[in-house]
Amino acid sequence: MTGRATRFVVEHFQQYETIWNGQGGTDIFFQNENPYEVPSQAVWMPNATQDGYPACYLQSSVTSFTVFLNGSGGIESVVNGTGAAVSSTNRGPSDVVSAP
């Protein structure tokens, strides 16, 4: 299944703000603002080893997604610390064959 989002805006939602299921998906524009005033780090963790919730959560079945197009910022990893970071100096793609 392939997903496509041309303009994707999610603001101030709680926990997982977006859950993406599309293998080989395309997102042209993603804008996100995390919730303001999270009560504490302890309540803002999906599990004991992960700080905070991601703005866009990719299901474990998704193995190719990340390319840096233009601008500032970037992505630290594709899936839960697996996969190369993507930024202005490493534009990708960053594919993941298997994830934890």
PDB file of N, CA and C in Angstrom:
ATOM      1  N   MET A   1       0.844  -1.169   0.000  1.00  0.00           N
ATOM      2  CA  MET A   1       0.000   0.000   0.000  1.00  0.00           C
ATOM      3  C   MET A   1       0.890   1.232   0.000  1.00  0.00           C
ATOM      4  N   THR A   2       0.561   2.217  -0.799  1.00  0.00           N
ATOM      5  CA  THR A   2       1.316   3.454  -0.864  1.00  0.00           C
ATOM      6  C   THR A   2       0.430   4.593  -0.387  1.00  0.00           C
ATOM      7  N   GLY A   3       0.981   5.420   0.485  1.00  0.00           N
ATOM      8  CA  GLY A   3       0.247   6.581   0.969  1.00  0.00           C
ATOM      9  C   GLY A   3       0.802   7.847   0.355  1.00  0.00           C
ATOM     10  N   ARG A   4      -0.019   8.880   0.272  1.00  0.00           N
ATOM     11  CA  ARG A   4       0.446  10.164  -0.251  1.00  0.00           C
ATOM     12  C   ARG A   4      -0.294  11.280   0.466  1.00  0.00           C
ATOM     13  N   ALA A   5       0.455  12.263   0.927  1.00  0.00           N
ATOM     14  CA  ALA A   5      -0.115  13.459   1.529  1.00  0.00           C
ATOM     15  C   ALA A   5       0.545  14.653   0.861  1.00  0.00           C
ATOM     16  N   THR A   6      -0.256  15.523   0.243  1.00  0.00           N
ATOM     17  CA  THR A   6       0.322  16.683  -0.408  1.00  0.00           C
ATOM     18  C   THR A   6       0.561  17.806   0.593  1.00  0.00           C
ATOM     19  N   ARG A   7      -0.348  18.008   1.481  1.00  0.00           N
ATOM     20  CA  ARG A   7      -0.187  18.996   2.537  1.00  0.00           C
ATOM     21  C   ARG A   7      -0.748  18.392   3.816  1.00  0.00           C
ATOM     22  N   PHE A   8       0.090  18.313   4.820  1.00  0.00           N
ATOM     23  CA  PHE A   8      -0.242  17.595   6.036  1.00  0.00           C
ATOM     24  C   PHE A   8       0.047  18.493   7.224  1.00  0.00           C
ATOM     25  N   VAL A   9      -0.991  18.949   7.932  1.00  0.00           N
ATOM     26  CA  VAL A   9      -0.810  19.868   9.048  1.00  0.00           C
ATOM     27  C   VAL A   9      -1.469  19.283  10.289  1.00  0.00           C
ATOM     28  N   VAL A  10      -0.678  19.119  11.348  1.00  0.00           N
ATOM     29  CA  VAL A  10      -1.183  18.600  12.620  1.00  0.00           C
ATOM     30  C   VAL A  10      -0.623  19.496  13.714  1.00  0.00           C
ATOM     31  N   GLU A  11      -1.489  20.049  14.534  1.00  0.00           N
ATOM     32  CA  GLU A  11      -1.000  20.946  15.576  1.00  0.00           C
ATOM     33  C   GLU A  11      -1.647  20.657  16.921  1.00  0.00           C
ATOM     34  N   HIS A  12      -0.797  20.591  17.938  1.00  0.00           N
ATOM     35  CA  HIS A  12      -1.186  20.558  19.343  1.00  0.00           C
ATOM     36  C   HIS A  12      -2.075  19.379  19.713  1.00  0.00           C
ATOM     37  N   PHE A  13      -1.920  18.273  19.034  1.00  0.00           N
ATOM     38  CA  PHE A  13      -2.641  17.059  19.401  1.00  0.00           C
ATOM     39  C   PHE A  13      -1.888  16.379  20.532  1.00  0.00           C
ATOM     40  N   GLN A  14      -2.412  15.296  21.068  1.00  0.00           N
ATOM     41  CA  GLN A  14      -1.755  14.620  22.178  1.00  0.00           C
ATOM     42  C   GLN A  14      -1.212  13.265  21.744  1.00  0.00           C
ATOM     43  N   GLN A  15      -0.115  12.878  22.335  1.00  0.00           N
ATOM     44  CA  GLN A  15       0.568  11.608  22.101  1.00  0.00           C
ATOM     45  C   GLN A  15       0.962  11.477  20.638  1.00  0.00           C
ATOM     46  N   TYR A  16       0.672  10.350  19.974  1.00  0.00           N
ATOM     47  CA  TYR A  16       1.023  10.185  18.558  1.00  0.00           C
ATOM     48  C   TYR A  16       0.130  11.102  17.739  1.00  0.00           C
ATOM     49  N   GLU A  17       0.732  12.108  17.118  1.00  0.00           N
ATOM     50  CA  GLU A  17      -0.072  13.081  16.390  1.00  0.00           C
ATOM     51  C   GLU A  17      -0.483  12.575  15.016  1.00  0.00           C
ATOM     52  N   THR A  18       0.366  11.784  14.398  1.00  0.00           N
ATOM     53  CA  THR A  18       0.073  11.188  13.101  1.00  0.00           C
ATOM     54  C   THR A  18       0.591   9.755  13.110  1.00  0.00           C
ATOM     55  N   ILE A  19      -0.204   8.821  12.641  1.00  0.00           N
ATOM     56  CA  ILE A  19       0.247   7.436  12.497  1.00  0.00           C
ATOM     57  C   ILE A  19       0.206   7.107  11.011  1.00  0.00           C
ATOM     58  N   TRP A  20       1.389   6.780  10.449  1.00  0.00           N
ATOM     59  CA  TRP A  20       1.517   6.530   9.009  1.00  0.00           C
ATOM     60  C   TRP A  20       1.665   5.034   8.773  1.00  0.00           C
ATOM     61  N   ASN A  21       0.816   4.462   7.927  1.00  0.00           N
ATOM     62  CA  ASN A  21       0.843   3.038   7.603  1.00  0.00           C
ATOM     63  C   ASN A  21       1.343   2.754   6.197  1.00  0.00           C
ATOM     64  N   GLY A  22       1.504   3.765   5.348  1.00  0.00           N
ATOM     65  CA  GLY A  22       1.784   3.566   3.927  1.00  0.00           C
ATOM     66  C   GLY A  22       3.223   3.232   3.598  1.00  0.00           C
ATOM     67  N   GLN A  23       3.461   2.049   3.070  1.00  0.00           N
ATOM     68  CA  GLN A  23       4.783   1.644   2.603  1.00  0.00           C
ATOM     69  C   GLN A  23       5.136   2.448   1.354  1.00  0.00           C
ATOM     70  N   GLY A  24       6.371   2.970   1.309  1.00  0.00           N
ATOM     71  CA  GLY A  24       6.783   3.747   0.144  1.00  0.00           C
ATOM     72  C   GLY A  24       5.999   5.030  -0.007  1.00  0.00           C
ATOM     73  N   GLY A  25       5.485   5.558   1.079  1.00  0.00           N
ATOM     74  CA  GLY A  25       4.629   6.733   1.036  1.00  0.00           C
ATOM     75  C   GLY A  25       5.352   8.009   0.661  1.00  0.00           C
ATOM     76  N   THR A  26       4.563   9.014   0.335  1.00  0.00           N
ATOM     77  CA  THR A  26       5.083  10.314  -0.030  1.00  0.00           C
ATOM     78  C   THR A  26       4.366  11.377   0.764  1.00  0.00           C
ATOM     79  N   ASP A  27       5.122  12.262   1.366  1.00  0.00           N
ATOM     80  CA  ASP A  27       4.571  13.415   2.057  1.00  0.00           C
ATOM     81  C   ASP A  27       5.286  14.634   1.515  1.00  0.00           C
ATOM     82  N   ILE A  28       4.595  15.498   0.817  1.00  0.00           N
ATOM     83  CA  ILE A  28       5.195  16.659   0.183  1.00  0.00           C
ATOM     84  C   ILE A  28       5.444  17.770   1.196  1.00  0.00           C
ATOM     85  N   PHE A  29       4.516  17.993   2.108  1.00  0.00           N
ATOM     86  CA  PHE A  29       4.635  19.057   3.097  1.00  0.00           C
ATOM     87  C   PHE A  29       4.057  18.569   4.413  1.00  0.00           C
ATOM     88  N   PHE A  30       4.858  18.588   5.474  1.00  0.00           N
ATOM     89  CA  PHE A  30       4.395  18.189   6.802  1.00  0.00           C
ATOM     90  C   PHE A  30       4.719  19.289   7.784  1.00  0.00           C
ATOM     91  N   GLN A  31       3.691  19.864   8.380  1.00  0.00           N
ATOM     92  CA  GLN A  31       3.870  20.903   9.394  1.00  0.00           C
ATOM     93  C   GLN A  31       3.343  20.373  10.703  1.00  0.00           C
ATOM     94  N   ASN A  32       4.137  20.565  11.760  1.00  0.00           N
ATOM     95  CA  ASN A  32       3.731  20.046  13.054  1.00  0.00           C
ATOM     96  C   ASN A  32       4.139  20.995  14.166  1.00  0.00           C
ATOM     97  N   GLU A  33       3.238  21.205  15.110  1.00  0.00           N
ATOM     98  CA  GLU A  33       3.561  21.890  16.352  1.00  0.00           C
ATOM     99  C   GLU A  33       3.143  20.963  17.482  1.00  0.00           C
ATOM    100  N   ASN A  34       4.120  20.602  18.308  1.00  0.00           N
ATOM    101  CA  ASN A  34       3.819  19.733  19.445  1.00  0.00           C
ATOM    102  C   ASN A  34       2.948  20.459  20.456  1.00  0.00           C
ATOM    103  N   PRO A  35       2.263  19.712  21.312  1.00  0.00           N
ATOM    104  CA  PRO A  35       1.411  20.343  22.319  1.00  0.00           C
ATOM    105  C   PRO A  35       2.210  21.270  23.235  1.00  0.00           C
ATOM    106  N   TYR A  36       1.573  22.335  23.655  1.00  0.00           N
ATOM    107  CA  TYR A  36       2.181  23.249  24.616  1.00  0.00           C
ATOM    108  C   TYR A  36       2.014  22.697  26.025  1.00  0.00           C
ATOM    109  N   GLU A  37       2.941  23.045  26.890  1.00  0.00           N
ATOM    110  CA  GLU A  37       2.844  22.784  28.322  1.00  0.00           C
ATOM    111  C   GLU A  37       2.522  21.337  28.674  1.00  0.00           C
ATOM    112  N   VAL A  38       3.354  20.436  28.211  1.00  0.00           N
ATOM    113  CA  VAL A  38       3.217  19.032  28.605  1.00  0.00           C
ATOM    114  C   VAL A  38       3.435  18.971  30.114  1.00  0.00           C
ATOM    115  N   PRO A  39       2.569  18.281  30.867  1.00  0.00           N
ATOM    116  CA  PRO A  39       2.659  18.303  32.333  1.00  0.00           C
ATOM    117  C   PRO A  39       4.012  17.866  32.889  1.00  0.00           C
ATOM    118  N   SER A  40       4.608  16.803  32.338  1.00  0.00           N
ATOM    119  CA  SER A  40       5.920  16.337  32.774  1.00  0.00           C
ATOM    120  C   SER A  40       6.454  15.354  31.745  1.00  0.00           C
ATOM    121  N   GLN A  41       7.782  15.126  31.772  1.00  0.00           N
ATOM    122  CA  GLN A  41       8.368  14.155  30.853  1.00  0.00           C
ATOM    123  C   GLN A  41       7.810  12.764  31.122  1.00  0.00           C
ATOM    124  N   ALA A  42       7.563  12.430  32.377  1.00  0.00           N
ATOM    125  CA  ALA A  42       7.078  11.093  32.745  1.00  0.00           C
ATOM    126  C   ALA A  42       5.739  10.750  32.087  1.00  0.00           C
ATOM    127  N   VAL A  43       4.846  11.729  31.957  1.00  0.00           N
ATOM    128  CA  VAL A  43       3.549  11.448  31.328  1.00  0.00           C
ATOM    129  C   VAL A  43       3.603  11.627  29.816  1.00  0.00           C
ATOM    130  N   TRP A  44       4.744  12.111  29.305  1.00  0.00           N
ATOM    131  CA  TRP A  44       4.867  12.350  27.876  1.00  0.00           C
ATOM    132  C   TRP A  44       5.829  11.351  27.238  1.00  0.00           C
ATOM    133  N   MET A  45       5.763  10.092  27.676  1.00  0.00           N
ATOM    134  CA  MET A  45       6.626   9.031  27.157  1.00  0.00           C
ATOM    135  C   MET A  45       5.773   7.810  26.825  1.00  0.00           C
ATOM    136  N   PRO A  46       5.865   7.278  25.595  1.00  0.00           N
ATOM    137  CA  PRO A  46       5.098   6.088  25.250  1.00  0.00           C
ATOM    138  C   PRO A  46       5.611   4.840  25.973  1.00  0.00           C
ATOM    139  N   ASN A  47       6.894   4.852  26.383  1.00  0.00           N
ATOM    140  CA  ASN A  47       7.453   3.755  27.174  1.00  0.00           C
ATOM    141  C   ASN A  47       8.641   4.308  27.968  1.00  0.00           C
ATOM    142  N   ALA A  48       9.214   3.495  28.821  1.00  0.00           N
ATOM    143  CA  ALA A  48      10.246   3.968  29.749  1.00  0.00           C
ATOM    144  C   ALA A  48      11.548   4.384  29.073  1.00  0.00           C
ATOM    145  N   THR A  49      11.779   3.983  27.827  1.00  0.00           N
ATOM    146  CA  THR A  49      13.059   4.296  27.176  1.00  0.00           C
ATOM    147  C   THR A  49      12.952   5.337  26.065  1.00  0.00           C
ATOM    148  N   GLN A  50      11.772   5.820  25.768  1.00  0.00           N
ATOM    149  CA  GLN A  50      11.594   6.766  24.670  1.00  0.00           C
ATOM    150  C   GLN A  50      11.091   8.100  25.199  1.00  0.00           C
ATOM    151  N   ASP A  51      11.907   9.157  25.054  1.00  0.00           N
ATOM    152  CA  ASP A  51      11.500  10.489  25.489  1.00  0.00           C
ATOM    153  C   ASP A  51      10.515  11.080  24.488  1.00  0.00           C
ATOM    154  N   GLY A  52       9.335  11.354  24.927  1.00  0.00           N
ATOM    155  CA  GLY A  52       8.344  12.034  24.107  1.00  0.00           C
ATOM    156  C   GLY A  52       7.734  11.179  23.015  1.00  0.00           C
ATOM    157  N   TYR A  53       6.685  11.713  22.410  1.00  0.00           N
ATOM    158  CA  TYR A  53       5.992  11.065  21.298  1.00  0.00           C
ATOM    159  C   TYR A  53       6.435  11.701  19.991  1.00  0.00           C
ATOM    160  N   PRO A  54       6.617  10.910  18.932  1.00  0.00           N
ATOM    161  CA  PRO A  54       6.996  11.504  17.652  1.00  0.00           C
ATOM    162  C   PRO A  54       5.817  12.232  17.015  1.00  0.00           C
ATOM    163  N   ALA A  55       6.112  13.233  16.213  1.00  0.00           N
ATOM    164  CA  ALA A  55       5.065  13.947  15.492  1.00  0.00           C
ATOM    165  C   ALA A  55       4.427  13.045  14.440  1.00  0.00           C
ATOM    166  N   CYS A  56       5.237  12.190  13.825  1.00  0.00           N
ATOM    167  CA  CYS A  56       4.739  11.255  12.814  1.00  0.00           C
ATOM    168  C   CYS A  56       5.257   9.866  13.149  1.00  0.00           C
ATOM    169  N   TYR A  57       4.378   8.984  13.570  1.00  0.00           N
ATOM    170  CA  TYR A  57       4.750   7.628  13.966  1.00  0.00           C
ATOM    171  C   TYR A  57       4.568   6.688  12.778  1.00  0.00           C
ATOM    172  N   LEU A  58       5.638   5.989  12.407  1.00  0.00           N
ATOM    173  CA  LEU A  58       5.573   5.040  11.302  1.00  0.00           C
ATOM    174  C   LEU A  58       5.404   3.634  11.852  1.00  0.00           C
ATOM    175  N   GLN A  59       4.429   2.908  11.338  1.00  0.00           N
ATOM    176  CA  GLN A  59       4.219   1.525  11.753  1.00  0.00           C
ATOM    177  C   GLN A  59       5.440   0.683  11.392  1.00  0.00           C
ATOM    178  N   SER A  60       5.639  -0.425  12.087  1.00  0.00           N
ATOM    179  CA  SER A  60       6.815  -1.271  11.857  1.00  0.00           C
ATOM    180  C   SER A  60       6.859  -1.857  10.443  1.00  0.00           C
ATOM    181  N   SER A  61       5.751  -1.907   9.751  1.00  0.00           N
ATOM    182  CA  SER A  61       5.715  -2.437   8.381  1.00  0.00           C
ATOM    183  C   SER A  61       6.265  -1.448   7.359  1.00  0.00           C
ATOM    184  N   VAL A  62       6.441  -0.175   7.736  1.00  0.00           N
ATOM    185  CA  VAL A  62       6.954   0.840   6.826  1.00  0.00           C
ATOM    186  C   VAL A  62       8.481   0.794   6.843  1.00  0.00           C
ATOM    187  N   THR A  63       9.101   0.588   5.679  1.00  0.00           N
ATOM    188  CA  THR A  63      10.558   0.467   5.618  1.00  0.00           C
ATOM    189  C   THR A  63      11.217   1.486   4.703  1.00  0.00           C
ATOM    190  N   SER A  64      10.473   2.263   3.912  1.00  0.00           N
ATOM    191  CA  SER A  64      11.093   3.305   3.095  1.00  0.00           C
ATOM    192  C   SER A  64      10.200   4.544   3.155  1.00  0.00           C
ATOM    193  N   PHE A  65      10.792   5.659   3.532  1.00  0.00           N
ATOM    194  CA  PHE A  65       9.969   6.879   3.699  1.00  0.00           C
ATOM    195  C   PHE A  65      10.748   8.155   3.612  1.00  0.00           C
ATOM    196  N   THR A  66      11.984   8.281   4.091  1.00  0.00           N
ATOM    197  CA  THR A  66      12.591   9.556   4.436  1.00  0.00           C
ATOM    198  C   THR A  66      13.541  10.114   3.382  1.00  0.00           C
ATOM    199  N   VAL A  67      13.254  11.326   2.920  1.00  0.00           N
ATOM    200  CA  VAL A  67      14.134  12.083   2.033  1.00  0.00           C
ATOM    201  C   VAL A  67      14.042  13.546   2.459  1.00  0.00           C
ATOM    202  N   PHE A  68      15.183  14.247   2.540  1.00  0.00           N
ATOM    203  CA  PHE A  68      15.200  15.670   2.880  1.00  0.00           C
ATOM    204  C   PHE A  68      15.092  16.456   1.580  1.00  0.00           C
ATOM    205  N   LEU A  69      14.128  17.362   1.494  1.00  0.00           N
ATOM    206  CA  LEU A  69      13.924  18.100   0.254  1.00  0.00           C
ATOM    207  C   LEU A  69      14.614  19.458   0.252  1.00  0.00           C
ATOM    208  N   ASN A  70      14.309  20.309   1.221  1.00  0.00           N
ATOM    209  CA  ASN A  70      14.865  21.653   1.214  1.00  0.00           C
ATOM    210  C   ASN A  70      14.545  22.341   2.534  1.00  0.00           C
ATOM    211  N   GLY A  71      15.281  23.360   2.871  1.00  0.00           N
ATOM    212  CA  GLY A  71      14.989  24.139   4.063  1.00  0.00           C
ATOM    213  C   GLY A  71      15.877  23.780   5.226  1.00  0.00           C
ATOM    214  N   SER A  72      15.342  23.881   6.427  1.00  0.00           N
ATOM    215  CA  SER A  72      16.122  23.607   7.626  1.00  0.00           C
ATOM    216  C   SER A  72      15.501  22.450   8.392  1.00  0.00           C
ATOM    217  N   GLY A  73      16.220  21.975   9.398  1.00  0.00           N
ATOM    218  CA  GLY A  73      15.731  20.851  10.182  1.00  0.00           C
ATOM    219  C   GLY A  73      16.175  19.539   9.584  1.00  0.00           C
ATOM    220  N   GLY A  74      15.477  18.479   9.903  1.00  0.00           N
ATOM    221  CA  GLY A  74      15.819  17.160   9.398  1.00  0.00           C
ATOM    222  C   GLY A  74      15.158  16.088  10.237  1.00  0.00           C
ATOM    223  N   ILE A  75      15.582  14.847  10.046  1.00  0.00           N
ATOM    224  CA  ILE A  75      15.023  13.710  10.772  1.00  0.00           C
ATOM    225  C   ILE A  75      16.187  12.918  11.333  1.00  0.00           C
ATOM    226  N   GLU A  76      16.133  12.588  12.630  1.00  0.00           N
ATOM    227  CA  GLU A  76      17.229  11.877  13.284  1.00  0.00           C
ATOM    228  C   GLU A  76      17.343  10.427  12.819  1.00  0.00           C
ATOM    229  N   SER A  77      16.215   9.769  12.595  1.00  0.00           N
ATOM    230  CA  SER A  77      16.221   8.384  12.128  1.00  0.00           C
ATOM    231  C   SER A  77      14.900   8.102  11.439  1.00  0.00           C
ATOM    232  N   VAL A  78      14.839   6.998  10.718  1.00  0.00           N
ATOM    233  CA  VAL A  78      13.618   6.653   9.995  1.00  0.00           C
ATOM    234  C   VAL A  78      12.606   6.007  10.937  1.00  0.00           C
ATOM    235  N   VAL A  79      13.036   4.992  11.673  1.00  0.00           N
ATOM    236  CA  VAL A  79      12.136   4.266  12.567  1.00  0.00           C
ATOM    237  C   VAL A  79      12.848   3.980  13.882  1.00  0.00           C
ATOM    238  N   ASN A  80      12.440   4.627  14.944  1.00  0.00           N
ATOM    239  CA  ASN A  80      12.913   4.330  16.297  1.00  0.00           C
ATOM    240  C   ASN A  80      14.426   4.160  16.398  1.00  0.00           C
ATOM    241  N   GLY A  81      15.182   5.099  15.897  1.00  0.00           N
ATOM    242  CA  GLY A  81      16.634   5.051  15.990  1.00  0.00           C
ATOM    243  C   GLY A  81      17.322   4.236  14.902  1.00  0.00           C
ATOM    244  N   THR A  82      16.568   3.613  14.026  1.00  0.00           N
ATOM    245  CA  THR A  82      17.124   2.822  12.931  1.00  0.00           C
ATOM    246  C   THR A  82      17.022   3.619  11.637  1.00  0.00           C
ATOM    247  N   GLY A  83      18.072   3.597  10.835  1.00  0.00           N
ATOM    248  CA  GLY A  83      18.091   4.326   9.573  1.00  0.00           C
ATOM    249  C   GLY A  83      18.870   5.607   9.712  1.00  0.00           C
ATOM    250  N   ALA A  84      19.561   5.977   8.652  1.00  0.00           N
ATOM    251  CA  ALA A  84      20.416   7.158   8.671  1.00  0.00           C
ATOM    252  C   ALA A  84      19.614   8.440   8.845  1.00  0.00           C
ATOM    253  N   ALA A  85      20.220   9.399   9.527  1.00  0.00           N
ATOM    254  CA  ALA A  85      19.613  10.722   9.657  1.00  0.00           C
ATOM    255  C   ALA A  85      19.555  11.379   8.288  1.00  0.00           C
ATOM    256  N   VAL A  86      18.593  12.257   8.079  1.00  0.00           N
ATOM    257  CA  VAL A  86      18.435  12.960   6.815  1.00  0.00           C
ATOM    258  C   VAL A  86      18.410  14.457   7.115  1.00  0.00           C
ATOM    259  N   SER A  87      19.244  15.222   6.401  1.00  0.00           N
ATOM    260  CA  SER A  87      19.350  16.660   6.644  1.00  0.00           C
ATOM    261  C   SER A  87      19.843  17.342   5.379  1.00  0.00           C
ATOM    262  N   SER A  88      20.197  18.613   5.504  1.00  0.00           N
ATOM    263  CA  SER A  88      20.694  19.340   4.328  1.00  0.00           C
ATOM    264  C   SER A  88      22.042  18.798   3.850  1.00  0.00           C
ATOM    265  N   THR A  89      22.821  18.160   4.727  1.00  0.00           N
ATOM    266  CA  THR A  89      24.104  17.589   4.308  1.00  0.00           C
ATOM    267  C   THR A  89      23.997  16.127   3.883  1.00  0.00           C
ATOM    268  N   ASN A  90      22.959  15.446   4.276  1.00  0.00           N
ATOM    269  CA  ASN A  90      22.689  14.067   3.845  1.00  0.00           C
ATOM    270  C   ASN A  90      21.220  13.987   3.454  1.00  0.00           C
ATOM    271  N   ARG A  91      20.923  14.231   2.190  1.00  0.00           N
ATOM    272  CA  ARG A  91      19.542  14.355   1.724  1.00  0.00           C
ATOM    273  C   ARG A  91      18.806  13.034   1.552  1.00  0.00           C
ATOM    274  N   GLY A  92      19.501  11.894   1.675  1.00  0.00           N
ATOM    275  CA  GLY A  92      18.819  10.614   1.563  1.00  0.00           C
ATOM    276  C   GLY A  92      18.702  10.163   0.130  1.00  0.00           C
ATOM    277  N   PRO A  93      17.943   9.171  -0.163  1.00  0.00           N
ATOM    278  CA  PRO A  93      16.966   8.593   0.763  1.00  0.00           C
ATOM    279  C   PRO A  93      17.610   7.762   1.849  1.00  0.00           C
ATOM    280  N   SER A  94      16.876   7.571   2.931  1.00  0.00           N
ATOM    281  CA  SER A  94      17.292   6.720   4.021  1.00  0.00           C
ATOM    282  C   SER A  94      16.248   5.618   4.144  1.00  0.00           C
ATOM    283  N   ASP A  95      16.571   4.443   3.652  1.00  0.00           N
ATOM    284  CA  ASP A  95      15.648   3.310   3.693  1.00  0.00           C
ATOM    285  C   ASP A  95      15.996   2.383   4.833  1.00  0.00           C
ATOM    286  N   VAL A  96      15.019   1.701   5.361  1.00  0.00           N
ATOM    287  CA  VAL A  96      15.205   0.722   6.425  1.00  0.00           C
ATOM    288  C   VAL A  96      14.670  -0.617   5.940  1.00  0.00           C
ATOM    289  N   VAL A  97      15.502  -1.644   5.977  1.00  0.00           N
ATOM    290  CA  VAL A  97      15.088  -2.969   5.519  1.00  0.00           C
ATOM    291  C   VAL A  97      14.366  -3.704   6.642  1.00  0.00           C
ATOM    292  N   SER A  98      14.844  -3.566   7.871  1.00  0.00           N
ATOM    293  CA  SER A  98      14.141  -4.140   9.016  1.00  0.00           C
ATOM    294  C   SER A  98      14.322  -3.210  10.207  1.00  0.00           C
ATOM    295  N   ALA A  99      13.311  -3.148  11.045  1.00  0.00           N
ATOM    296  CA  ALA A  99      13.338  -2.250  12.204  1.00  0.00           C
ATOM    297  C   ALA A  99      13.017  -3.047  13.455  1.00  0.00           C
ATOM    298  N   PRO A 100      13.492  -2.540  14.598  1.00  0.00           N
ATOM    299  CA  PRO A 100      13.238  -3.254  15.865  1.00  0.00           C
ATOM    300  C   PRO A 100      11.766  -3.332  16.191  1.00  0.00           C
TER     301      PRO A 100
END
